[in-house]
Amino acid sequence: MSEALTKGIRVATQSFYVPEQSKPADRHFFFAYRIRISNEGDEPAQLINRHWIITDRLGRAEEVRGEGVVGKQPRLEPGEHFEYTSACPLATPTGTMRGTYSMLRDDGTEFEARIPDFDLIAKVILN
C-alpha cells in the first residue's frame, strides 16, 4: 500500500492483479486498484477531477483525465473518507500508476492532492 498526504487529504492505494480477466499470451494484463481518500484536515474538500499517468514496463505512458472518480465527485468533511475500486489493462506484466486529484475547498480555492506511485505486478505462472 502506498500513501500520500497533501493539504490534509490522504490518498492510500492498493493494487491487485486480476488473472481471470488477463490473457498473458496475448499481452493483456488486467489490474484492479482500490483507493481510499481521507480528509484529515480541518476544512471540507470536494474531488472535482482526476489525472492518472499509467506507465508500462517498457516506459510507455498513458494519461487519463476526467471528472470525478467512478462517476462521483465526493465531498469530504473533516474526518470523512471515500473508497472506490477501479481497473486498468496493461500490455506488460508490470507497470506503475500515479497522478493527482483536483480538490476544491468551500472558499473556492483548488489544489492538487497527490496520488502516490504504486506498482502493478502480475503474478503469472508460465507453463
Protein backbone atom coordinates (compact mmCIF):
# COMPACT_ATOMS: atom_id res chain seq x y z
CA MET A 1 0.00 0.00 0.00
CA SER A 2 1.22 3.49 -0.88
CA GLU A 3 0.07 6.73 0.76
CA ALA A 4 0.46 10.47 0.20
CA LEU A 5 -0.78 13.42 2.27
CA THR A 6 -1.48 16.78 0.60
CA LYS A 7 -3.07 19.68 2.48
CA GLY A 8 -4.95 17.34 4.81
CA ILE A 9 -6.08 14.91 2.09
CA ARG A 10 -4.57 11.43 2.42
CA VAL A 11 -4.68 9.15 -0.62
CA ALA A 12 -3.94 5.46 0.00
CA THR A 13 -3.63 2.98 -2.86
CA GLN A 14 -3.57 -0.79 -3.24
CA SER A 15 -3.38 -2.78 -6.49
CA PHE A 16 -4.32 -6.33 -7.46
CA TYR A 17 -3.61 -8.49 -10.47
CA VAL A 18 -6.80 -10.00 -11.94
CA PRO A 19 -5.82 -13.26 -13.66
CA GLU A 20 -9.41 -14.12 -14.64
CA GLN A 21 -9.54 -11.08 -16.94
CA SER A 22 -5.95 -11.34 -18.19
CA LYS A 23 -4.53 -13.12 -21.24
CA PRO A 24 -0.74 -13.16 -20.83
CA ALA A 25 -0.23 -14.98 -24.16
CA ASP A 26 -1.95 -12.02 -25.85
CA ARG A 27 0.00 -9.44 -23.79
CA HIS A 28 -3.14 -8.42 -21.89
CA PHE A 29 -2.67 -7.99 -18.14
CA PHE A 30 -5.60 -6.68 -16.12
CA PHE A 31 -5.20 -4.89 -12.79
CA ALA A 32 -7.67 -3.60 -10.22
CA TYR A 33 -6.83 -0.94 -7.67
CA ARG A 34 -8.51 0.32 -4.52
CA ILE A 35 -8.25 3.96 -3.49
CA ARG A 36 -9.11 5.46 -0.11
CA ILE A 37 -9.30 9.25 0.08
CA SER A 38 -9.43 10.61 3.65
CA ASN A 39 -9.88 14.19 4.81
CA GLU A 40 -7.53 14.53 7.77
CA GLY A 41 -7.60 18.33 7.60
CA ASP A 42 -9.81 20.99 9.17
CA GLU A 43 -11.74 22.04 6.04
CA PRO A 44 -14.12 20.24 3.67
CA ALA A 45 -12.86 19.42 0.19
CA GLN A 46 -14.54 18.04 -2.93
CA LEU A 47 -12.84 15.88 -5.54
CA ILE A 48 -13.54 17.53 -8.90
CA ASN A 49 -11.19 15.90 -11.44
CA ARG A 50 -8.64 13.11 -11.76
CA HIS A 51 -5.37 12.86 -13.68
CA TRP A 52 -3.65 9.49 -13.98
CA ILE A 53 -0.32 8.57 -15.54
CA ILE A 54 -0.15 4.84 -16.26
CA THR A 55 3.26 3.55 -17.34
CA ASP A 56 4.03 0.05 -18.55
CA ARG A 57 7.30 -1.87 -18.14
CA LEU A 58 8.61 -0.52 -21.46
CA GLY A 59 8.16 3.08 -20.31
CA ARG A 60 5.11 3.77 -22.46
CA ALA A 61 2.89 6.21 -20.58
CA GLU A 62 -0.82 6.87 -20.98
CA GLU A 63 -2.50 9.87 -19.38
CA VAL A 64 -6.13 9.71 -18.30
CA ARG A 65 -8.07 12.82 -17.28
CA GLY A 66 -11.69 13.18 -16.35
CA GLU A 67 -14.32 14.43 -13.96
CA GLY A 68 -14.51 12.79 -10.56
CA VAL A 69 -13.94 9.10 -9.92
CA VAL A 70 -16.29 6.20 -10.76
CA GLY A 71 -18.94 8.72 -11.78
CA LYS A 72 -18.81 10.63 -8.49
CA GLN A 73 -17.35 13.87 -7.16
CA PRO A 74 -17.26 13.14 -3.45
CA ARG A 75 -17.25 15.98 -0.93
CA LEU A 76 -15.37 15.07 2.23
CA GLU A 77 -15.96 16.78 5.55
CA PRO A 78 -13.07 16.65 8.03
CA GLY A 79 -12.78 13.07 9.32
CA GLU A 80 -14.66 11.54 6.36
CA HIS A 81 -13.30 9.20 3.71
CA PHE A 82 -14.33 7.81 0.33
CA GLU A 83 -13.25 4.47 -1.12
CA TYR A 84 -13.60 3.10 -4.61
CA THR A 85 -12.24 0.36 -6.82
CA SER A 86 -11.38 0.67 -10.49
CA ALA A 87 -9.21 -1.13 -13.02
CA CYS A 88 -6.85 -0.80 -15.96
CA PRO A 89 -5.27 -3.07 -18.57
CA LEU A 90 -1.58 -3.14 -19.47
CA ALA A 91 0.33 -4.75 -22.33
CA THR A 92 3.17 -5.74 -19.97
CA PRO A 93 3.12 -7.76 -16.73
CA THR A 94 4.37 -4.83 -14.66
CA GLY A 95 3.89 -1.09 -14.59
CA THR A 96 3.11 1.86 -12.34
CA MET A 97 0.32 4.34 -11.75
CA ARG A 98 0.42 7.81 -10.22
CA GLY A 99 -1.45 11.05 -10.51
CA THR A 100 -3.45 13.78 -8.84
CA TYR A 101 -6.97 14.63 -7.77
CA SER A 102 -8.11 18.23 -8.25
CA MET A 103 -9.74 19.22 -4.96
CA LEU A 104 -11.99 22.23 -4.31
CA ARG A 105 -12.44 23.94 -0.93
CA ASP A 106 -15.67 25.68 0.09
CA ASP A 107 -13.96 29.08 -0.30
CA GLY A 108 -13.26 28.33 -3.98
CA THR A 109 -9.57 27.51 -3.67
CA GLU A 110 -8.32 24.50 -5.59
CA PHE A 111 -5.32 22.25 -5.03
CA GLU A 112 -3.89 19.02 -6.40
CA ALA A 113 -3.87 16.07 -3.98
CA ARG A 114 -1.09 13.69 -4.95
CA ILE A 115 -1.86 10.06 -5.75
CA PRO A 116 1.33 8.22 -4.80
CA ASP A 117 3.18 5.99 -7.23
CA PHE A 118 2.09 2.39 -6.90
CA ASP A 119 3.13 -0.77 -8.71
CA LEU A 120 1.10 -3.03 -10.94
CA ILE A 121 2.62 -6.51 -10.80
CA ALA A 122 1.17 -9.59 -12.48
CA LYS A 123 1.80 -12.88 -10.77
CA VAL A 124 1.90 -15.03 -13.88
CA ILE A 125 2.68 -18.72 -13.98
CA LEU A 126 4.05 -19.69 -17.37
CA ASN A 127 3.93 -23.33 -18.47
